[in-house]
Amino acid sequence: MAFLHAVEILQVVSADSSLSQQNVQPASQKGPPIQRPLFDDISPHNVTAVVGQTAILHCRVKHVSDRTVSWMRKRDLHILTSSIHTYTGDGRFGVVHPENSEQWDLKVEFVQKRDAGIYECQVNTEPKINLAVQLNVEAAQANIHGPAEVYVKKGSTISLTCSVNVHSTPPSSVVWLQGTKVVDFDSPRGRGGISLETEKTESGTTSRLLVTKAGLSDTGNYTCQPSNANTATVFVHVLNGEHPAAMQHGEHGAGSKLAAWSWTLTMAAFALSYR
């Protein structure tokens, strides 16, 4: 009987041990599932840069793991970067990837008009995933606010404001020309003076030219000439006597036709006075 009792105990222990082994999972099956790479789609897909400046195309990828992030230029399917390496002879291109970050930005220095187009940030998953970013390139350009022609009365003040759309690197200087000659701010003017106000901010550069007590000799082309952008020109008419609503501080509205006739008569009288 003692022998049979010992056999029964051995069978119970063996059954419990087998059951325990069935409930134990291999260590490789534990832990959360592997997450696939995905784009953190919060960056702009449309980027505008000015010729000569630096453009940054943003791409943020989560859960990259052992995958590779690349940038491709769409128009010629040229791989520009792969991981942190550059695969183009054009040294203006490079990738910005702070260590251990999710950022894989494409940097384009000294942007040219030919750089405009679509660029794709890609991850070599199966299937591959990609994020398209449009790069627009504008010419560095000065702009004089207001109409292309300005009319002021003799003895009043000419006020011209010029803005430049270069933000990251403002022009080192802004020169104003009257005709082909640089406006001389130091020359004595018995009837008044000339002043220039230039303001450089993160939003751009603004230059304001003021010519007080304008005379007939102040009529002509005025050009805003930044050191790193295309110029802008406006024509200023200084009139002797009454003239229409086309004045710099004139009125606009339903009387435009009457104003046009008044302008024609004024200019005719102005021309006759010089015969």
C-alpha atoms as a PDB file:
ATOM      1  CA  MET A   1       0.000   0.000   0.000  1.00  0.00           C
ATOM      2  CA  ALA A   2       2.806   2.382   0.800  1.00  0.00           C
ATOM      3  CA  PHE A   3       4.266   1.709  -2.629  1.00  0.00           C
ATOM      4  CA  LEU A   4       0.967   2.511  -4.389  1.00  0.00           C
ATOM      5  CA  HIS A   5       0.564   5.741  -2.387  1.00  0.00           C
ATOM      6  CA  ALA A   6       4.054   6.891  -3.428  1.00  0.00           C
ATOM      7  CA  VAL A   7       3.237   6.230  -7.098  1.00  0.00           C
ATOM      8  CA  GLU A   8       0.052   8.304  -6.841  1.00  0.00           C
ATOM      9  CA  ILE A   9       1.985  11.250  -5.316  1.00  0.00           C
ATOM     10  CA  LEU A  10       4.595  11.045  -8.094  1.00  0.00           C
ATOM     11  CA  GLN A  11       1.847  11.104 -10.780  1.00  0.00           C
ATOM     12  CA  VAL A  12       0.220  14.237  -9.252  1.00  0.00           C
ATOM     13  CA  VAL A  13       3.545  16.106  -9.070  1.00  0.00           C
ATOM     14  CA  SER A  14       4.349  15.141 -12.660  1.00  0.00           C
ATOM     15  CA  ALA A  15       0.944  16.403 -13.879  1.00  0.00           C
ATOM     16  CA  ASP A  16       1.354  19.757 -12.062  1.00  0.00           C
ATOM     17  CA  SER A  17       4.830  20.205 -13.541  1.00  0.00           C
ATOM     18  CA  SER A  18       3.524  19.529 -17.082  1.00  0.00           C
ATOM     19  CA  LEU A  19       0.674  22.010 -16.614  1.00  0.00           C
ATOM     20  CA  SER A  20       3.084  24.689 -15.371  1.00  0.00           C
ATOM     21  CA  GLN A  21       5.315  24.245 -18.417  1.00  0.00           C
ATOM     22  CA  GLN A  22       2.320  24.692 -20.737  1.00  0.00           C
ATOM     23  CA  ASN A  23       1.464  28.087 -19.137  1.00  0.00           C
ATOM     24  CA  VAL A  24       4.997  29.537 -19.413  1.00  0.00           C
ATOM     25  CA  GLN A  25       5.560  31.728 -22.532  1.00  0.00           C
ATOM     26  CA  PRO A  26       9.006  32.039 -24.081  1.00  0.00           C
ATOM     27  CA  ALA A  27      10.765  35.300 -23.208  1.00  0.00           C
ATOM     28  CA  SER A  28      10.751  36.290 -26.893  1.00  0.00           C
ATOM     29  CA  GLN A  29       6.934  36.529 -26.848  1.00  0.00           C
ATOM     30  CA  LYS A  30       6.825  39.031 -23.999  1.00  0.00           C
ATOM     31  CA  GLY A  31       6.735  42.862 -24.313  1.00  0.00           C
ATOM     32  CA  PRO A  32       4.755  45.311 -26.493  1.00  0.00           C
ATOM     33  CA  PRO A  33       4.479  44.764 -30.272  1.00  0.00           C
ATOM     34  CA  ILE A  34       7.019  46.503 -32.536  1.00  0.00           C
ATOM     35  CA  GLN A  35       5.661  49.849 -33.839  1.00  0.00           C
ATOM     36  CA  ARG A  36       5.978  50.721 -37.503  1.00  0.00           C
ATOM     37  CA  PRO A  37       7.585  54.029 -38.575  1.00  0.00           C
ATOM     38  CA  LEU A  38       5.173  56.873 -39.263  1.00  0.00           C
ATOM     39  CA  PHE A  39       5.349  60.581 -40.117  1.00  0.00           C
ATOM     40  CA  ASP A  40       4.505  63.075 -37.406  1.00  0.00           C
ATOM     41  CA  ASP A  41       2.623  65.167 -39.946  1.00  0.00           C
ATOM     42  CA  ILE A  42       2.686  68.602 -38.300  1.00  0.00           C
ATOM     43  CA  SER A  43       5.183  70.442 -40.526  1.00  0.00           C
ATOM     44  CA  PRO A  44       4.176  72.587 -43.541  1.00  0.00           C
ATOM     45  CA  HIS A  45       4.032  70.806 -46.886  1.00  0.00           C
ATOM     46  CA  ASN A  46       4.520  74.074 -48.780  1.00  0.00           C
ATOM     47  CA  VAL A  47       7.726  76.030 -48.155  1.00  0.00           C
ATOM     48  CA  THR A  48       8.693  79.350 -49.791  1.00  0.00           C
ATOM     49  CA  ALA A  49      12.287  80.623 -49.874  1.00  0.00           C
ATOM     50  CA  VAL A  50      14.015  83.612 -51.445  1.00  0.00           C
ATOM     51  CA  VAL A  51      16.858  83.209 -53.945  1.00  0.00           C
ATOM     52  CA  GLY A  52      20.191  83.140 -52.135  1.00  0.00           C
ATOM     53  CA  GLN A  53      18.705  82.212 -48.756  1.00  0.00           C
ATOM     54  CA  THR A  54      18.550  78.853 -46.926  1.00  0.00           C
ATOM     55  CA  ALA A  55      15.466  76.627 -47.163  1.00  0.00           C
ATOM     56  CA  ILE A  56      14.588  73.939 -44.601  1.00  0.00           C
ATOM     57  CA  LEU A  57      12.145  71.166 -45.588  1.00  0.00           C
ATOM     58  CA  HIS A  58      10.919  69.470 -42.426  1.00  0.00           C
ATOM     59  CA  CYS A  59      10.364  65.743 -41.947  1.00  0.00           C
ATOM     60  CA  ARG A  60       9.696  64.162 -38.557  1.00  0.00           C
ATOM     61  CA  VAL A  61       9.534  60.364 -38.339  1.00  0.00           C
ATOM     62  CA  LYS A  62       8.468  58.412 -35.271  1.00  0.00           C
ATOM     63  CA  HIS A  63       9.607  54.844 -34.474  1.00  0.00           C
ATOM     64  CA  VAL A  64      12.366  54.727 -37.109  1.00  0.00           C
ATOM     65  CA  SER A  65      14.118  51.819 -35.376  1.00  0.00           C
ATOM     66  CA  ASP A  66      16.499  50.207 -37.887  1.00  0.00           C
ATOM     67  CA  ARG A  67      14.840  51.778 -40.930  1.00  0.00           C
ATOM     68  CA  THR A  68      16.475  54.434 -43.137  1.00  0.00           C
ATOM     69  CA  VAL A  69      15.115  57.915 -43.861  1.00  0.00           C
ATOM     70  CA  SER A  70      15.994  59.415 -47.270  1.00  0.00           C
ATOM     71  CA  TRP A  71      15.225  62.555 -49.294  1.00  0.00           C
ATOM     72  CA  MET A  72      14.499  62.357 -53.024  1.00  0.00           C
ATOM     73  CA  ARG A  73      14.088  65.146 -55.592  1.00  0.00           C
ATOM     74  CA  LYS A  74      10.917  64.277 -57.484  1.00  0.00           C
ATOM     75  CA  ARG A  75      11.678  65.840 -60.890  1.00  0.00           C
ATOM     76  CA  ASP A  76      14.683  63.597 -61.597  1.00  0.00           C
ATOM     77  CA  LEU A  77      14.186  60.912 -58.890  1.00  0.00           C
ATOM     78  CA  HIS A  78      17.622  61.781 -57.505  1.00  0.00           C
ATOM     79  CA  ILE A  79      18.353  60.493 -53.981  1.00  0.00           C
ATOM     80  CA  LEU A  80      19.871  63.475 -52.208  1.00  0.00           C
ATOM     81  CA  THR A  81      20.376  62.041 -48.728  1.00  0.00           C
ATOM     82  CA  SER A  82      20.120  58.671 -47.003  1.00  0.00           C
ATOM     83  CA  SER A  83      20.316  58.526 -43.235  1.00  0.00           C
ATOM     84  CA  ILE A  84      22.864  61.244 -42.345  1.00  0.00           C
ATOM     85  CA  HIS A  85      24.810  60.838 -45.594  1.00  0.00           C
ATOM     86  CA  THR A  86      24.581  63.036 -48.707  1.00  0.00           C
ATOM     87  CA  TYR A  87      24.493  61.460 -52.168  1.00  0.00           C
ATOM     88  CA  THR A  88      24.840  64.442 -54.488  1.00  0.00           C
ATOM     89  CA  GLY A  89      27.766  66.458 -55.743  1.00  0.00           C
ATOM     90  CA  ASP A  90      25.833  69.643 -55.009  1.00  0.00           C
ATOM     91  CA  GLY A  91      27.228  70.707 -51.652  1.00  0.00           C
ATOM     92  CA  ARG A  92      24.239  72.985 -51.005  1.00  0.00           C
ATOM     93  CA  PHE A  93      22.152  69.969 -49.938  1.00  0.00           C
ATOM     94  CA  GLY A  94      22.407  68.226 -46.586  1.00  0.00           C
ATOM     95  CA  VAL A  95      20.357  66.589 -43.865  1.00  0.00           C
ATOM     96  CA  VAL A  96      19.745  68.056 -40.413  1.00  0.00           C
ATOM     97  CA  HIS A  97      19.343  65.288 -37.825  1.00  0.00           C
ATOM     98  CA  PRO A  98      20.124  66.099 -34.193  1.00  0.00           C
ATOM     99  CA  GLU A  99      21.320  62.922 -32.467  1.00  0.00           C
ATOM    100  CA  ASN A 100      18.532  60.714 -31.067  1.00  0.00           C
ATOM    101  CA  SER A 101      15.861  63.033 -32.486  1.00  0.00           C
ATOM    102  CA  GLU A 102      12.946  62.335 -34.813  1.00  0.00           C
ATOM    103  CA  GLN A 103      13.920  65.216 -37.135  1.00  0.00           C
ATOM    104  CA  TRP A 104      15.236  64.404 -40.634  1.00  0.00           C
ATOM    105  CA  ASP A 105      15.137  67.837 -42.312  1.00  0.00           C
ATOM    106  CA  LEU A 106      16.512  68.604 -45.758  1.00  0.00           C
ATOM    107  CA  LYS A 107      18.630  71.771 -45.820  1.00  0.00           C
ATOM    108  CA  VAL A 108      19.169  73.666 -49.088  1.00  0.00           C
ATOM    109  CA  GLU A 109      21.663  76.528 -48.895  1.00  0.00           C
ATOM    110  CA  PHE A 110      21.888  79.433 -51.355  1.00  0.00           C
ATOM    111  CA  VAL A 111      18.553  78.491 -52.948  1.00  0.00           C
ATOM    112  CA  GLN A 112      18.250  78.979 -56.723  1.00  0.00           C
ATOM    113  CA  LYS A 113      15.154  79.222 -58.919  1.00  0.00           C
ATOM    114  CA  ARG A 114      15.957  75.788 -60.384  1.00  0.00           C
ATOM    115  CA  ASP A 115      15.541  74.233 -56.905  1.00  0.00           C
ATOM    116  CA  ALA A 116      11.781  74.797 -56.973  1.00  0.00           C
ATOM    117  CA  GLY A 117       9.706  71.614 -57.046  1.00  0.00           C
ATOM    118  CA  ILE A 118       8.588  68.611 -55.007  1.00  0.00           C
ATOM    119  CA  TYR A 119      10.892  66.770 -52.601  1.00  0.00           C
ATOM    120  CA  GLU A 120       9.979  63.481 -50.890  1.00  0.00           C
ATOM    121  CA  CYS A 121      10.986  62.307 -47.432  1.00  0.00           C
ATOM    122  CA  GLN A 122      10.989  58.480 -47.588  1.00  0.00           C
ATOM    123  CA  VAL A 123      11.268  55.583 -45.148  1.00  0.00           C
ATOM    124  CA  ASN A 124      12.266  52.133 -46.489  1.00  0.00           C
ATOM    125  CA  THR A 125       9.427  50.186 -44.903  1.00  0.00           C
ATOM    126  CA  GLU A 126       7.529  47.494 -46.792  1.00  0.00           C
ATOM    127  CA  PRO A 127       5.661  49.038 -48.484  1.00  0.00           C
ATOM    128  CA  LYS A 128       7.667  52.269 -48.572  1.00  0.00           C
ATOM    129  CA  ILE A 129       6.117  55.392 -47.034  1.00  0.00           C
ATOM    130  CA  ASN A 130       6.825  58.941 -48.222  1.00  0.00           C
ATOM    131  CA  LEU A 131       5.949  62.569 -47.444  1.00  0.00           C
ATOM    132  CA  ALA A 132       5.960  65.184 -50.243  1.00  0.00           C
ATOM    133  CA  VAL A 133       7.036  68.802 -49.611  1.00  0.00           C
ATOM    134  CA  GLN A 134       6.711  71.578 -52.231  1.00  0.00           C
ATOM    135  CA  LEU A 135       9.549  74.123 -52.381  1.00  0.00           C
ATOM    136  CA  ASN A 136       8.693  77.492 -53.939  1.00  0.00           C
ATOM    137  CA  VAL A 137      11.487  79.936 -54.769  1.00  0.00           C
ATOM    138  CA  GLU A 138      10.974  83.681 -55.088  1.00  0.00           C
ATOM    139  CA  ALA A 139      13.364  86.291 -56.427  1.00  0.00           C
ATOM    140  CA  ALA A 140      14.835  88.644 -53.852  1.00  0.00           C
ATOM    141  CA  GLN A 141      12.796  91.725 -54.650  1.00  0.00           C
ATOM    142  CA  ALA A 142      12.333  95.266 -53.409  1.00  0.00           C
ATOM    143  CA  ASN A 143       8.820  96.693 -53.495  1.00  0.00           C
ATOM    144  CA  ILE A 144       7.768 100.351 -53.264  1.00  0.00           C
ATOM    145  CA  HIS A 145       4.354 100.628 -51.652  1.00  0.00           C
ATOM    146  CA  GLY A 146       1.567 102.262 -53.628  1.00  0.00           C
ATOM    147  CA  PRO A 147       1.016 102.918 -57.358  1.00  0.00           C
ATOM    148  CA  ALA A 148       3.741 102.996 -60.004  1.00  0.00           C
ATOM    149  CA  GLU A 149       3.225 106.764 -60.395  1.00  0.00           C
ATOM    150  CA  VAL A 150       2.838 109.251 -57.545  1.00  0.00           C
ATOM    151  CA  TYR A 151       1.567 112.846 -57.821  1.00  0.00           C
ATOM    152  CA  VAL A 152       2.346 115.516 -55.225  1.00  0.00           C
ATOM    153  CA  LYS A 153       1.886 119.280 -55.039  1.00  0.00           C
ATOM    154  CA  LYS A 154       4.834 121.586 -55.186  1.00  0.00           C
ATOM    155  CA  GLY A 155       5.905 122.432 -51.627  1.00  0.00           C
ATOM    156  CA  SER A 156       4.473 119.245 -50.101  1.00  0.00           C
ATOM    157  CA  THR A 157       6.395 116.180 -48.863  1.00  0.00           C
ATOM    158  CA  ILE A 158       7.292 113.168 -51.016  1.00  0.00           C
ATOM    159  CA  SER A 159       7.028 110.003 -48.905  1.00  0.00           C
ATOM    160  CA  LEU A 160       8.195 106.703 -50.431  1.00  0.00           C
ATOM    161  CA  THR A 161       8.327 103.397 -48.537  1.00  0.00           C
ATOM    162  CA  CYS A 162      10.294 100.392 -49.823  1.00  0.00           C
ATOM    163  CA  SER A 163      10.235  96.871 -48.360  1.00  0.00           C
ATOM    164  CA  VAL A 164      12.564  93.959 -49.116  1.00  0.00           C
ATOM    165  CA  ASN A 165      11.380  90.327 -48.862  1.00  0.00           C
ATOM    166  CA  VAL A 166      14.722  88.940 -47.631  1.00  0.00           C
ATOM    167  CA  HIS A 167      14.186  87.928 -44.003  1.00  0.00           C
ATOM    168  CA  SER A 168      17.022  85.694 -42.802  1.00  0.00           C
ATOM    169  CA  THR A 169      19.786  87.897 -44.262  1.00  0.00           C
ATOM    170  CA  PRO A 170      18.665  91.537 -44.509  1.00  0.00           C
ATOM    171  CA  PRO A 171      20.430  93.812 -47.013  1.00  0.00           C
ATOM    172  CA  SER A 172      23.544  95.473 -45.675  1.00  0.00           C
ATOM    173  CA  SER A 173      22.371  98.728 -47.262  1.00  0.00           C
ATOM    174  CA  VAL A 174      19.448 100.299 -49.127  1.00  0.00           C
ATOM    175  CA  VAL A 175      20.290 103.098 -51.572  1.00  0.00           C
ATOM    176  CA  TRP A 176      17.784 105.484 -53.157  1.00  0.00           C
ATOM    177  CA  LEU A 177      18.367 106.906 -56.636  1.00  0.00           C
ATOM    178  CA  GLN A 178      16.717 109.818 -58.399  1.00  0.00           C
ATOM    179  CA  GLY A 179      17.182 108.975 -62.041  1.00  0.00           C
ATOM    180  CA  THR A 180      20.704 107.542 -62.193  1.00  0.00           C
ATOM    181  CA  LYS A 181      22.134 109.562 -59.299  1.00  0.00           C
ATOM    182  CA  VAL A 182      22.225 108.542 -55.655  1.00  0.00           C
ATOM    183  CA  VAL A 183      20.021 110.774 -53.533  1.00  0.00           C
ATOM    184  CA  ASP A 184      22.355 112.994 -51.518  1.00  0.00           C
ATOM    185  CA  PHE A 185      21.074 113.372 -47.970  1.00  0.00           C
ATOM    186  CA  ASP A 186      23.851 115.755 -46.953  1.00  0.00           C
ATOM    187  CA  SER A 187      23.470 118.320 -49.718  1.00  0.00           C
ATOM    188  CA  PRO A 188      22.090 121.682 -48.548  1.00  0.00           C
ATOM    189  CA  ARG A 189      18.500 122.357 -49.625  1.00  0.00           C
ATOM    190  CA  GLY A 190      17.448 125.917 -48.916  1.00  0.00           C
ATOM    191  CA  ARG A 191      13.783 124.953 -49.139  1.00  0.00           C
ATOM    192  CA  GLY A 192      13.845 121.863 -46.938  1.00  0.00           C
ATOM    193  CA  GLY A 193      15.603 118.549 -46.465  1.00  0.00           C
ATOM    194  CA  ILE A 194      15.813 114.846 -47.311  1.00  0.00           C
ATOM    195  CA  SER A 195      15.740 112.081 -44.721  1.00  0.00           C
ATOM    196  CA  LEU A 196      15.940 108.292 -44.769  1.00  0.00           C
ATOM    197  CA  GLU A 197      14.585 105.844 -42.185  1.00  0.00           C
ATOM    198  CA  THR A 198      15.612 102.182 -42.461  1.00  0.00           C
ATOM    199  CA  GLU A 199      14.268  99.462 -40.167  1.00  0.00           C
ATOM    200  CA  LYS A 200      15.491  95.853 -40.112  1.00  0.00           C
ATOM    201  CA  THR A 201      13.314  93.275 -38.349  1.00  0.00           C
ATOM    202  CA  GLU A 202      12.664  89.523 -38.504  1.00  0.00           C
ATOM    203  CA  SER A 203       9.844  90.181 -40.971  1.00  0.00           C
ATOM    204  CA  GLY A 204      12.096  92.042 -43.432  1.00  0.00           C
ATOM    205  CA  THR A 205      13.661  95.411 -44.147  1.00  0.00           C
ATOM    206  CA  THR A 206      11.775  98.662 -44.671  1.00  0.00           C
ATOM    207  CA  SER A 207      13.288 101.909 -45.978  1.00  0.00           C
ATOM    208  CA  ARG A 208      11.377 105.204 -46.034  1.00  0.00           C
ATOM    209  CA  LEU A 209      12.489 108.212 -48.075  1.00  0.00           C
ATOM    210  CA  LEU A 210      11.133 111.665 -47.173  1.00  0.00           C
ATOM    211  CA  VAL A 211      11.670 114.727 -49.377  1.00  0.00           C
ATOM    212  CA  THR A 212      10.235 117.852 -47.773  1.00  0.00           C
ATOM    213  CA  LYS A 213       9.049 120.960 -49.651  1.00  0.00           C
ATOM    214  CA  ALA A 214       9.178 119.194 -53.000  1.00  0.00           C
ATOM    215  CA  GLY A 215      10.090 121.286 -56.008  1.00  0.00           C
ATOM    216  CA  LEU A 216       9.620 120.766 -59.741  1.00  0.00           C
ATOM    217  CA  SER A 217      13.214 119.493 -59.979  1.00  0.00           C
ATOM    218  CA  ASP A 218      12.234 116.577 -57.732  1.00  0.00           C
ATOM    219  CA  THR A 219      10.100 115.109 -60.528  1.00  0.00           C
ATOM    220  CA  GLY A 220      11.476 111.845 -61.934  1.00  0.00           C
ATOM    221  CA  ASN A 221      12.157 108.161 -61.305  1.00  0.00           C
ATOM    222  CA  TYR A 222      12.977 107.117 -57.747  1.00  0.00           C
ATOM    223  CA  THR A 223      14.624 103.701 -57.333  1.00  0.00           C
ATOM    224  CA  CYS A 224      14.984 101.632 -54.173  1.00  0.00           C
ATOM    225  CA  GLN A 225      18.202  99.601 -54.517  1.00  0.00           C
ATOM    226  CA  PRO A 226      18.935  97.002 -51.785  1.00  0.00           C
ATOM    227  CA  SER A 227      22.383  95.427 -51.703  1.00  0.00           C
ATOM    228  CA  ASN A 228      21.018  91.857 -52.124  1.00  0.00           C
ATOM    229  CA  ALA A 229      17.755  92.156 -54.054  1.00  0.00           C
ATOM    230  CA  ASN A 230      16.263  93.385 -57.317  1.00  0.00           C
ATOM    231  CA  THR A 231      15.395  97.075 -57.433  1.00  0.00           C
ATOM    232  CA  ALA A 232      11.978  98.752 -57.506  1.00  0.00           C
ATOM    233  CA  THR A 233      11.129 102.065 -59.198  1.00  0.00           C
ATOM    234  CA  VAL A 234       8.337 104.619 -58.953  1.00  0.00           C
ATOM    235  CA  PHE A 235       7.800 107.827 -60.942  1.00  0.00           C
ATOM    236  CA  VAL A 236       7.067 110.964 -58.943  1.00  0.00           C
ATOM    237  CA  HIS A 237       5.270 113.922 -60.535  1.00  0.00           C
ATOM    238  CA  VAL A 238       5.637 117.225 -58.700  1.00  0.00           C
ATOM    239  CA  LEU A 239       2.887 119.543 -59.989  1.00  0.00           C
ATOM    240  CA  ASN A 240       2.635 123.303 -59.856  1.00  0.00           C
ATOM    241  CA  GLY A 241      -0.930 124.152 -58.877  1.00  0.00           C
ATOM    242  CA  GLU A 242      -4.149 122.158 -58.744  1.00  0.00           C
ATOM    243  CA  HIS A 243      -4.290 118.621 -60.020  1.00  0.00           C
ATOM    244  CA  PRO A 244      -6.599 115.591 -59.823  1.00  0.00           C
ATOM    245  CA  ALA A 245      -7.169 112.825 -57.302  1.00  0.00           C
ATOM    246  CA  ALA A 246      -4.070 111.015 -58.521  1.00  0.00           C
ATOM    247  CA  MET A 247      -2.086 112.911 -55.872  1.00  0.00           C
ATOM    248  CA  GLN A 248      -0.249 110.864 -53.275  1.00  0.00           C
ATOM    249  CA  HIS A 249      -2.799 111.922 -50.663  1.00  0.00           C
ATOM    250  CA  GLY A 250      -5.650 112.376 -53.123  1.00  0.00           C
ATOM    251  CA  GLU A 251      -9.172 111.000 -52.943  1.00  0.00           C
ATOM    252  CA  HIS A 252     -10.469 107.995 -54.875  1.00  0.00           C
ATOM    253  CA  GLY A 253     -14.064 107.232 -55.715  1.00  0.00           C
ATOM    254  CA  ALA A 254     -16.949 107.971 -58.033  1.00  0.00           C
ATOM    255  CA  GLY A 255     -15.391 111.194 -59.258  1.00  0.00           C
ATOM    256  CA  SER A 256     -12.532 109.432 -61.049  1.00  0.00           C
ATOM    257  CA  LYS A 257     -13.709 110.433 -64.539  1.00  0.00           C
ATOM    258  CA  LEU A 258     -13.990 114.090 -63.535  1.00  0.00           C
ATOM    259  CA  ALA A 259     -10.581 113.842 -61.888  1.00  0.00           C
ATOM    260  CA  ALA A 260      -9.113 112.436 -65.119  1.00  0.00           C
ATOM    261  CA  TRP A 261     -10.447 115.390 -67.110  1.00  0.00           C
ATOM    262  CA  SER A 262      -9.097 117.794 -64.489  1.00  0.00           C
ATOM    263  CA  TRP A 263      -5.722 116.081 -64.741  1.00  0.00           C
ATOM    264  CA  THR A 264      -5.696 116.429 -68.527  1.00  0.00           C
ATOM    265  CA  LEU A 265      -6.496 120.149 -68.328  1.00  0.00           C
ATOM    266  CA  THR A 266      -3.902 120.685 -65.607  1.00  0.00           C
ATOM    267  CA  MET A 267      -1.165 118.970 -67.591  1.00  0.00           C
ATOM    268  CA  ALA A 268      -2.103 120.963 -70.690  1.00  0.00           C
ATOM    269  CA  ALA A 269      -1.812 124.206 -68.728  1.00  0.00           C
ATOM    270  CA  PHE A 270       1.439 122.954 -67.209  1.00  0.00           C
ATOM    271  CA  ALA A 271       2.886 122.259 -70.660  1.00  0.00           C
ATOM    272  CA  LEU A 272       1.777 125.665 -72.052  1.00  0.00           C
ATOM    273  CA  SER A 273       3.454 127.470 -69.161  1.00  0.00           C
ATOM    274  CA  TYR A 274       6.828 126.185 -70.393  1.00  0.00           C
ATOM    275  CA  ARG A 275       6.404 127.284 -74.035  1.00  0.00           C
END
